[in-house]
Each structure stands twice: as structure tokens, then as C-alpha cells.
Amino acid sequence: MGKPCICIFAKSPRPGSVKTRLASKVGTAGAAALATAFSRDTWSSVRALRWARPVLATTDTNAKDWDFARRADVWLQGNGDLGERVERVLRRALRSGPFAIALGIDTPGLPRSLVEGARKALRTSDAVLGPCEDGGFYLLGLRECPRGLLRNLPWSARNTFAQTLIRLRRWGYQTEVLPSWFDVDRPSDLARLESLLSRGDISARETARLLAKCSSVAGRR
């Protein structure tokens, strides 16, 4: 049995198709640049975990923005809603590892302690969930992923986390819940992220560099 996979889910960062709620503040090109920075930082943080095998699960394996992962595993998510795509990727990951974790890119600077907490939880539990403050979740870890486990769940909704937790427990999964965190979807989230980065409370080098550049340009206007 190999290392457990941490599968990072990311859409190709094309302007107008990613981080659209941030575009009102930074424009569509700026939102795409942020998505790229988020992806790079998330990849770097997972790659630093010696116990994990990082996988980039994306909608387009040929995207030029994935150069940072070219020498590693880049998998297509495939078709279907998010539940079907997460299931597909996690089942593939579970063929070679004792458990698998799905992680989004919307939490650059996610404290390492939360990912380590997921690893610890999966030593004894069937599943682990990391709730987001907006009602979603930033992390899902499973030891098994049968077909239909995540079917017809509400995605991008205030009750995504709650309904996912109910589903897992109804399937008989002993499920642990991690401390909550926030994802970066709105301008207010971006301001919070920038504040945490500037104080050194979290680390996300590519994102911090991009935000500093944007602030510098704005200051010269």
C-alpha cells in the first residue's frame, strides 16, 4: 500500500470562469491570477507533507498553468456534478493508498495542523470533514468511497457541509469533524486573507506576492 493521496481539485483558471465573485474587485483576469496563485500555494503545502502523495484533479490536464505539477500526478475529474467527480477521483486514489483526501484551492494558507488532524482522524474513523464558515467544506477524507456516496448533495449551498455529514453518517461512516476555516470567494474573504498573510498568521507565498503586487499598482493610481 502506497502513500495516501491528497487530491487538489482545481478548474483551469481561465478569466471569467473562476473566482467570479472576486471579479467585482479585481477583474476577471485578476480573479484568474488569484486562482492560479491559490493552486500553486495549495500544491506547495501538500507537497511539503512527507506522508502524502499530491494529486492535481482538474478539468483540463493540458492547461499551461499546471506547469508546477507537470512532473507529478495530474488527473482529469471527468464529467458529472461535483459529487460524481469527487467520487471518481477518490476511488482512483484509494486503489493505492489507505485513505484519500479531497482538498479545494479556495483556502490558500490553510493551517497544516488541520490537514494533519485529518490524517490523524482517518487512522481510526471512516471519514473526516473540515467545515467552512459559509456552510461548505474545505476538506473531505475517506477510507472507502462507494458509488453514490456523494450523489445529489447540494453543492455551493449554505447546507453543503451539514447535508454531507448527514449523508456520511446515514451510510454508517464514523465521521470526525475538524475545526472550521474560511474559503476565499468574496471580496471580504480576500481582505481577511490579506490581513492574515500580512500579520504572518498563515503562509501562502504566491498569493501574498500577487496581493502585494496588486496593492502596489493600486497605490500608484
C-alpha atoms as a PDB file:
ATOM      1  CA  MET A   1       0.000   0.000   0.000  1.00  0.00           C
ATOM      2  CA  GLY A   2       1.393   3.382  -1.014  1.00  0.00           C
ATOM      3  CA  LYS A   3       1.088   6.835   0.458  1.00  0.00           C
ATOM      4  CA  PRO A   4      -2.370   8.348   0.885  1.00  0.00           C
ATOM      5  CA  CYS A   5      -3.304  10.811  -1.847  1.00  0.00           C
ATOM      6  CA  ILE A   6      -4.341  14.375  -1.198  1.00  0.00           C
ATOM      7  CA  CYS A   7      -6.318  15.310  -4.295  1.00  0.00           C
ATOM      8  CA  ILE A   8      -6.398  19.035  -5.009  1.00  0.00           C
ATOM      9  CA  PHE A   9      -9.472  19.990  -7.021  1.00  0.00           C
ATOM     10  CA  ALA A  10      -8.973  22.932  -9.361  1.00  0.00           C
ATOM     11  CA  LYS A  11     -10.628  24.209 -12.522  1.00  0.00           C
ATOM     12  CA  SER A  12      -8.452  25.597 -15.276  1.00  0.00           C
ATOM     13  CA  PRO A  13      -8.001  29.265 -14.269  1.00  0.00           C
ATOM     14  CA  ARG A  14      -9.472  30.952 -17.326  1.00  0.00           C
ATOM     15  CA  PRO A  15     -10.707  34.549 -16.943  1.00  0.00           C
ATOM     16  CA  GLY A  16     -14.450  34.635 -16.470  1.00  0.00           C
ATOM     17  CA  SER A  17     -14.745  31.002 -15.348  1.00  0.00           C
ATOM     18  CA  VAL A  18     -13.075  31.014 -11.910  1.00  0.00           C
ATOM     19  CA  LYS A  19     -13.472  33.060  -8.718  1.00  0.00           C
ATOM     20  CA  THR A  20     -16.230  35.061 -10.385  1.00  0.00           C
ATOM     21  CA  ARG A  21     -17.386  36.680  -7.137  1.00  0.00           C
ATOM     22  CA  LEU A  22     -13.923  38.201  -6.722  1.00  0.00           C
ATOM     23  CA  ALA A  23     -14.008  39.690 -10.214  1.00  0.00           C
ATOM     24  CA  SER A  24     -16.020  42.677  -8.986  1.00  0.00           C
ATOM     25  CA  LYS A  25     -12.947  43.725  -7.011  1.00  0.00           C
ATOM     26  CA  VAL A  26     -10.001  42.505  -9.093  1.00  0.00           C
ATOM     27  CA  GLY A  27     -11.480  41.937 -12.572  1.00  0.00           C
ATOM     28  CA  THR A  28     -11.760  38.661 -14.443  1.00  0.00           C
ATOM     29  CA  ALA A  29      -8.041  38.498 -15.256  1.00  0.00           C
ATOM     30  CA  GLY A  30      -7.186  39.272 -11.635  1.00  0.00           C
ATOM     31  CA  ALA A  31      -9.567  36.582 -10.414  1.00  0.00           C
ATOM     32  CA  ALA A  32      -7.916  34.042 -12.727  1.00  0.00           C
ATOM     33  CA  ALA A  33      -4.478  35.112 -11.481  1.00  0.00           C
ATOM     34  CA  LEU A  34      -5.651  34.615  -7.898  1.00  0.00           C
ATOM     35  CA  ALA A  35      -6.975  31.137  -8.752  1.00  0.00           C
ATOM     36  CA  THR A  36      -3.570  30.276 -10.202  1.00  0.00           C
ATOM     37  CA  ALA A  37      -1.801  31.557  -7.080  1.00  0.00           C
ATOM     38  CA  PHE A  38      -4.224  29.651  -4.835  1.00  0.00           C
ATOM     39  CA  SER A  39      -3.494  26.461  -6.807  1.00  0.00           C
ATOM     40  CA  ARG A  40       0.257  26.910  -6.556  1.00  0.00           C
ATOM     41  CA  ASP A  41       0.169  27.575  -2.825  1.00  0.00           C
ATOM     42  CA  THR A  42      -2.124  24.652  -2.126  1.00  0.00           C
ATOM     43  CA  TRP A  43       0.112  22.371  -4.182  1.00  0.00           C
ATOM     44  CA  SER A  44       3.223  23.582  -2.329  1.00  0.00           C
ATOM     45  CA  SER A  45       1.655  22.997   1.071  1.00  0.00           C
ATOM     46  CA  VAL A  46       0.581  19.450   0.192  1.00  0.00           C
ATOM     47  CA  ARG A  47       3.918  18.610  -1.433  1.00  0.00           C
ATOM     48  CA  ALA A  48       5.632  19.546   1.839  1.00  0.00           C
ATOM     49  CA  LEU A  49       3.806  16.698   3.619  1.00  0.00           C
ATOM     50  CA  ARG A  50       6.175  13.724   3.518  1.00  0.00           C
ATOM     51  CA  TRP A  51       3.413  11.259   4.226  1.00  0.00           C
ATOM     52  CA  ALA A  52       1.161  12.357   1.345  1.00  0.00           C
ATOM     53  CA  ARG A  53       1.122  11.927  -2.429  1.00  0.00           C
ATOM     54  CA  PRO A  54      -0.175  15.140  -4.037  1.00  0.00           C
ATOM     55  CA  VAL A  55      -2.531  14.841  -6.995  1.00  0.00           C
ATOM     56  CA  LEU A  56      -3.947  17.689  -9.048  1.00  0.00           C
ATOM     57  CA  ALA A  57      -7.525  16.793 -10.006  1.00  0.00           C
ATOM     58  CA  THR A  58      -8.526  19.214 -12.726  1.00  0.00           C
ATOM     59  CA  THR A  59     -10.961  19.838 -15.554  1.00  0.00           C
ATOM     60  CA  ASP A  60      -8.154  20.309 -18.096  1.00  0.00           C
ATOM     61  CA  THR A  61      -4.863  18.448 -17.817  1.00  0.00           C
ATOM     62  CA  ASN A  62      -3.370  20.485 -20.679  1.00  0.00           C
ATOM     63  CA  ALA A  63      -3.729  23.891 -19.032  1.00  0.00           C
ATOM     64  CA  LYS A  64      -0.458  25.810 -19.200  1.00  0.00           C
ATOM     65  CA  ASP A  65      -0.971  26.945 -15.605  1.00  0.00           C
ATOM     66  CA  TRP A  66      -0.286  23.441 -14.311  1.00  0.00           C
ATOM     67  CA  ASP A  67       3.447  23.618 -15.068  1.00  0.00           C
ATOM     68  CA  PHE A  68       4.181  23.371 -11.344  1.00  0.00           C
ATOM     69  CA  ALA A  69       2.676  19.859 -11.297  1.00  0.00           C
ATOM     70  CA  ARG A  70       3.969  18.546 -14.617  1.00  0.00           C
ATOM     71  CA  ARG A  71       6.314  16.032 -13.044  1.00  0.00           C
ATOM     72  CA  ALA A  72       3.659  14.783 -10.671  1.00  0.00           C
ATOM     73  CA  ASP A  73       0.153  13.347 -10.948  1.00  0.00           C
ATOM     74  CA  VAL A  74      -2.431  15.367 -12.861  1.00  0.00           C
ATOM     75  CA  TRP A  75      -5.800  13.631 -13.204  1.00  0.00           C
ATOM     76  CA  LEU A  76      -8.967  14.604 -15.045  1.00  0.00           C
ATOM     77  CA  GLN A  77     -12.034  14.980 -12.856  1.00  0.00           C
ATOM     78  CA  GLY A  78     -14.288  13.742 -15.656  1.00  0.00           C
ATOM     79  CA  ASN A  79     -17.969  14.520 -16.178  1.00  0.00           C
ATOM     80  CA  GLY A  80     -20.872  14.945 -13.793  1.00  0.00           C
ATOM     81  CA  ASP A  81     -21.669  17.152 -10.851  1.00  0.00           C
ATOM     82  CA  LEU A  82     -19.097  17.814  -8.157  1.00  0.00           C
ATOM     83  CA  GLY A  83     -20.163  14.786  -6.134  1.00  0.00           C
ATOM     84  CA  GLU A  84     -19.634  12.431  -9.056  1.00  0.00           C
ATOM     85  CA  ARG A  85     -16.261  13.980  -9.867  1.00  0.00           C
ATOM     86  CA  VAL A  86     -15.027  13.820  -6.266  1.00  0.00           C
ATOM     87  CA  GLU A  87     -16.152  10.203  -6.013  1.00  0.00           C
ATOM     88  CA  ARG A  88     -14.348   9.293  -9.230  1.00  0.00           C
ATOM     89  CA  VAL A  89     -11.064  10.858  -8.174  1.00  0.00           C
ATOM     90  CA  LEU A  90     -11.153   9.491  -4.625  1.00  0.00           C
ATOM     91  CA  ARG A  91     -11.920   5.958  -5.816  1.00  0.00           C
ATOM     92  CA  ARG A  92      -8.898   6.144  -8.087  1.00  0.00           C
ATOM     93  CA  ALA A  93      -6.749   7.402  -5.208  1.00  0.00           C
ATOM     94  CA  LEU A  94      -7.969   4.659  -2.883  1.00  0.00           C
ATOM     95  CA  ARG A  95      -6.662   1.964  -5.218  1.00  0.00           C
ATOM     96  CA  SER A  96      -3.158   2.647  -3.982  1.00  0.00           C
ATOM     97  CA  GLY A  97      -3.499   4.284  -0.565  1.00  0.00           C
ATOM     98  CA  PRO A  98      -5.131   3.559   2.806  1.00  0.00           C
ATOM     99  CA  PHE A  99      -7.208   6.724   2.635  1.00  0.00           C
ATOM    100  CA  ALA A 100      -7.671   9.713   0.359  1.00  0.00           C
ATOM    101  CA  ILE A 101      -8.368  13.390   0.947  1.00  0.00           C
ATOM    102  CA  ALA A 102     -10.118  15.883  -1.327  1.00  0.00           C
ATOM    103  CA  LEU A 103      -8.999  19.470  -0.919  1.00  0.00           C
ATOM    104  CA  GLY A 104     -10.059  22.611  -2.764  1.00  0.00           C
ATOM    105  CA  ILE A 105      -7.867  25.568  -3.711  1.00  0.00           C
ATOM    106  CA  ASP A 106     -10.067  28.182  -2.050  1.00  0.00           C
ATOM    107  CA  THR A 107      -8.196  28.032   1.258  1.00  0.00           C
ATOM    108  CA  PRO A 108      -4.630  29.190   0.486  1.00  0.00           C
ATOM    109  CA  GLY A 109      -2.644  29.212   3.702  1.00  0.00           C
ATOM    110  CA  LEU A 110      -4.830  26.525   5.282  1.00  0.00           C
ATOM    111  CA  PRO A 111      -3.048  25.687   8.544  1.00  0.00           C
ATOM    112  CA  ARG A 112      -1.059  22.498   8.292  1.00  0.00           C
ATOM    113  CA  SER A 113      -2.492  21.399  11.642  1.00  0.00           C
ATOM    114  CA  LEU A 114      -5.902  20.936  10.006  1.00  0.00           C
ATOM    115  CA  VAL A 115      -4.552  18.583   7.350  1.00  0.00           C
ATOM    116  CA  GLU A 116      -2.542  16.713   9.977  1.00  0.00           C
ATOM    117  CA  GLY A 117      -5.742  16.489  12.001  1.00  0.00           C
ATOM    118  CA  ALA A 118      -7.452  14.836   9.044  1.00  0.00           C
ATOM    119  CA  ARG A 119      -4.644  12.304   8.788  1.00  0.00           C
ATOM    120  CA  LYS A 120      -4.945  11.510  12.490  1.00  0.00           C
ATOM    121  CA  ALA A 121      -8.732  11.181  12.274  1.00  0.00           C
ATOM    122  CA  LEU A 122      -8.525   8.714   9.390  1.00  0.00           C
ATOM    123  CA  ARG A 123      -6.389   6.331  11.416  1.00  0.00           C
ATOM    124  CA  THR A 124      -9.494   5.327  13.360  1.00  0.00           C
ATOM    125  CA  SER A 125     -12.511   6.863  11.594  1.00  0.00           C
ATOM    126  CA  ASP A 126     -14.135   6.147   8.239  1.00  0.00           C
ATOM    127  CA  ALA A 127     -14.374   9.787   7.185  1.00  0.00           C
ATOM    128  CA  VAL A 128     -13.391  13.305   8.144  1.00  0.00           C
ATOM    129  CA  LEU A 129     -14.878  16.664   7.157  1.00  0.00           C
ATOM    130  CA  GLY A 130     -13.498  20.173   7.524  1.00  0.00           C
ATOM    131  CA  PRO A 131     -16.362  22.703   7.575  1.00  0.00           C
ATOM    132  CA  CYS A 132     -16.181  26.144   6.005  1.00  0.00           C
ATOM    133  CA  GLU A 133     -17.765  29.118   7.684  1.00  0.00           C
ATOM    134  CA  ASP A 134     -20.033  29.697   4.659  1.00  0.00           C
ATOM    135  CA  GLY A 135     -21.678  26.285   5.026  1.00  0.00           C
ATOM    136  CA  GLY A 136     -19.486  24.277   2.667  1.00  0.00           C
ATOM    137  CA  PHE A 137     -16.427  22.210   3.489  1.00  0.00           C
ATOM    138  CA  TYR A 138     -12.740  22.669   2.721  1.00  0.00           C
ATOM    139  CA  LEU A 139     -11.682  19.031   3.174  1.00  0.00           C
ATOM    140  CA  LEU A 140     -13.189  15.584   2.823  1.00  0.00           C
ATOM    141  CA  GLY A 141     -11.268  12.462   3.734  1.00  0.00           C
ATOM    142  CA  LEU A 142     -12.432   8.875   3.211  1.00  0.00           C
ATOM    143  CA  ARG A 143     -11.171   5.358   3.728  1.00  0.00           C
ATOM    144  CA  GLU A 144     -13.758   3.983   1.284  1.00  0.00           C
ATOM    145  CA  CYS A 145     -15.765   5.692  -1.461  1.00  0.00           C
ATOM    146  CA  PRO A 146     -18.566   3.545  -2.897  1.00  0.00           C
ATOM    147  CA  ARG A 147     -20.558   4.775  -5.878  1.00  0.00           C
ATOM    148  CA  GLY A 148     -23.427   7.026  -4.891  1.00  0.00           C
ATOM    149  CA  LEU A 149     -21.949   8.165  -1.587  1.00  0.00           C
ATOM    150  CA  LEU A 150     -21.963  11.826  -2.650  1.00  0.00           C
ATOM    151  CA  ARG A 151     -24.811  11.664  -5.178  1.00  0.00           C
ATOM    152  CA  ASN A 152     -27.376  14.510  -5.294  1.00  0.00           C
ATOM    153  CA  LEU A 153     -25.898  16.531  -2.458  1.00  0.00           C
ATOM    154  CA  PRO A 154     -26.423  20.315  -2.534  1.00  0.00           C
ATOM    155  CA  TRP A 155     -23.206  21.934  -3.735  1.00  0.00           C
ATOM    156  CA  SER A 156     -22.180  25.559  -3.169  1.00  0.00           C
ATOM    157  CA  ALA A 157     -25.008  25.938  -0.667  1.00  0.00           C
ATOM    158  CA  ARG A 158     -25.337  27.019   2.954  1.00  0.00           C
ATOM    159  CA  ASN A 159     -26.130  23.430   3.935  1.00  0.00           C
ATOM    160  CA  THR A 160     -23.489  21.583   1.916  1.00  0.00           C
ATOM    161  CA  PHE A 161     -21.445  20.611   4.957  1.00  0.00           C
ATOM    162  CA  ALA A 162     -24.488  19.689   7.062  1.00  0.00           C
ATOM    163  CA  GLN A 163     -26.034  17.523   4.358  1.00  0.00           C
ATOM    164  CA  THR A 164     -22.705  15.826   3.589  1.00  0.00           C
ATOM    165  CA  LEU A 165     -22.217  14.996   7.268  1.00  0.00           C
ATOM    166  CA  ILE A 166     -25.743  13.591   7.469  1.00  0.00           C
ATOM    167  CA  ARG A 167     -25.123  11.505   4.354  1.00  0.00           C
ATOM    168  CA  LEU A 168     -21.884  10.030   5.668  1.00  0.00           C
ATOM    169  CA  ARG A 169     -23.423   9.100   8.999  1.00  0.00           C
ATOM    170  CA  ARG A 170     -26.509   7.601   7.347  1.00  0.00           C
ATOM    171  CA  TRP A 171     -24.170   5.341   5.388  1.00  0.00           C
ATOM    172  CA  GLY A 172     -22.761   4.199   8.721  1.00  0.00           C
ATOM    173  CA  TYR A 173     -19.480   6.098   8.451  1.00  0.00           C
ATOM    174  CA  GLN A 174     -17.828   7.076  11.706  1.00  0.00           C
ATOM    175  CA  THR A 175     -17.072  10.687  10.805  1.00  0.00           C
ATOM    176  CA  GLU A 176     -14.902  13.218  12.592  1.00  0.00           C
ATOM    177  CA  VAL A 177     -15.295  16.969  12.137  1.00  0.00           C
ATOM    178  CA  LEU A 178     -12.276  19.270  12.035  1.00  0.00           C
ATOM    179  CA  PRO A 179     -12.190  22.877  13.242  1.00  0.00           C
ATOM    180  CA  SER A 180     -13.822  25.293  10.802  1.00  0.00           C
ATOM    181  CA  TRP A 181     -11.923  27.542   8.404  1.00  0.00           C
ATOM    182  CA  PHE A 182     -12.881  30.026   5.710  1.00  0.00           C
ATOM    183  CA  ASP A 183     -12.623  29.890   1.955  1.00  0.00           C
ATOM    184  CA  VAL A 184     -11.948  32.851  -0.294  1.00  0.00           C
ATOM    185  CA  ASP A 185     -14.947  33.544  -2.503  1.00  0.00           C
ATOM    186  CA  ARG A 186     -15.914  37.175  -1.858  1.00  0.00           C
ATOM    187  CA  PRO A 187     -14.023  40.451  -1.600  1.00  0.00           C
ATOM    188  CA  SER A 188     -14.459  40.403   2.196  1.00  0.00           C
ATOM    189  CA  ASP A 189     -12.806  36.959   2.306  1.00  0.00           C
ATOM    190  CA  LEU A 190      -9.925  38.298   0.237  1.00  0.00           C
ATOM    191  CA  ALA A 191      -9.452  41.184   2.669  1.00  0.00           C
ATOM    192  CA  ARG A 192      -9.390  38.720   5.561  1.00  0.00           C
ATOM    193  CA  LEU A 193      -6.848  36.563   3.767  1.00  0.00           C
ATOM    194  CA  GLU A 194      -4.639  39.561   3.046  1.00  0.00           C
ATOM    195  CA  SER A 195      -4.758  40.575   6.711  1.00  0.00           C
ATOM    196  CA  LEU A 196      -3.752  37.101   7.918  1.00  0.00           C
ATOM    197  CA  LEU A 197      -0.912  36.965   5.407  1.00  0.00           C
ATOM    198  CA  SER A 198       0.387  40.416   6.310  1.00  0.00           C
ATOM    199  CA  ARG A 199       0.477  39.502  10.018  1.00  0.00           C
ATOM    200  CA  GLY A 200       2.247  36.223   9.306  1.00  0.00           C
ATOM    201  CA  ASP A 201      -0.569  34.155  10.823  1.00  0.00           C
ATOM    202  CA  ILE A 202      -0.656  31.945   7.725  1.00  0.00           C
ATOM    203  CA  SER A 203       1.686  31.379   4.797  1.00  0.00           C
ATOM    204  CA  ALA A 204       0.818  31.370   1.082  1.00  0.00           C
ATOM    205  CA  ARG A 205       3.777  32.786  -0.799  1.00  0.00           C
ATOM    206  CA  GLU A 206       2.383  33.056  -4.327  1.00  0.00           C
ATOM    207  CA  THR A 207      -0.878  34.577  -3.116  1.00  0.00           C
ATOM    208  CA  ALA A 208       0.907  37.040  -0.857  1.00  0.00           C
ATOM    209  CA  ARG A 209       3.186  38.089  -3.696  1.00  0.00           C
ATOM    210  CA  LEU A 210       0.260  38.664  -6.043  1.00  0.00           C
ATOM    211  CA  LEU A 211      -1.736  40.621  -3.469  1.00  0.00           C
ATOM    212  CA  ALA A 212       1.288  42.800  -2.697  1.00  0.00           C
ATOM    213  CA  LYS A 213       1.704  43.496  -6.392  1.00  0.00           C
ATOM    214  CA  CYS A 214      -1.947  44.415  -6.783  1.00  0.00           C
ATOM    215  CA  SER A 215      -1.774  46.742  -3.778  1.00  0.00           C
ATOM    216  CA  SER A 216       1.328  48.385  -5.178  1.00  0.00           C
ATOM    217  CA  VAL A 217      -0.349  49.015  -8.533  1.00  0.00           C
ATOM    218  CA  ALA A 218      -3.476  50.347  -6.830  1.00  0.00           C
ATOM    219  CA  GLY A 219      -1.350  52.675  -4.696  1.00  0.00           C
ATOM    220  CA  ARG A 220       0.209  54.265  -7.774  1.00  0.00           C
ATOM    221  CA  ARG A 221      -3.121  55.131  -9.335  1.00  0.00           C
END
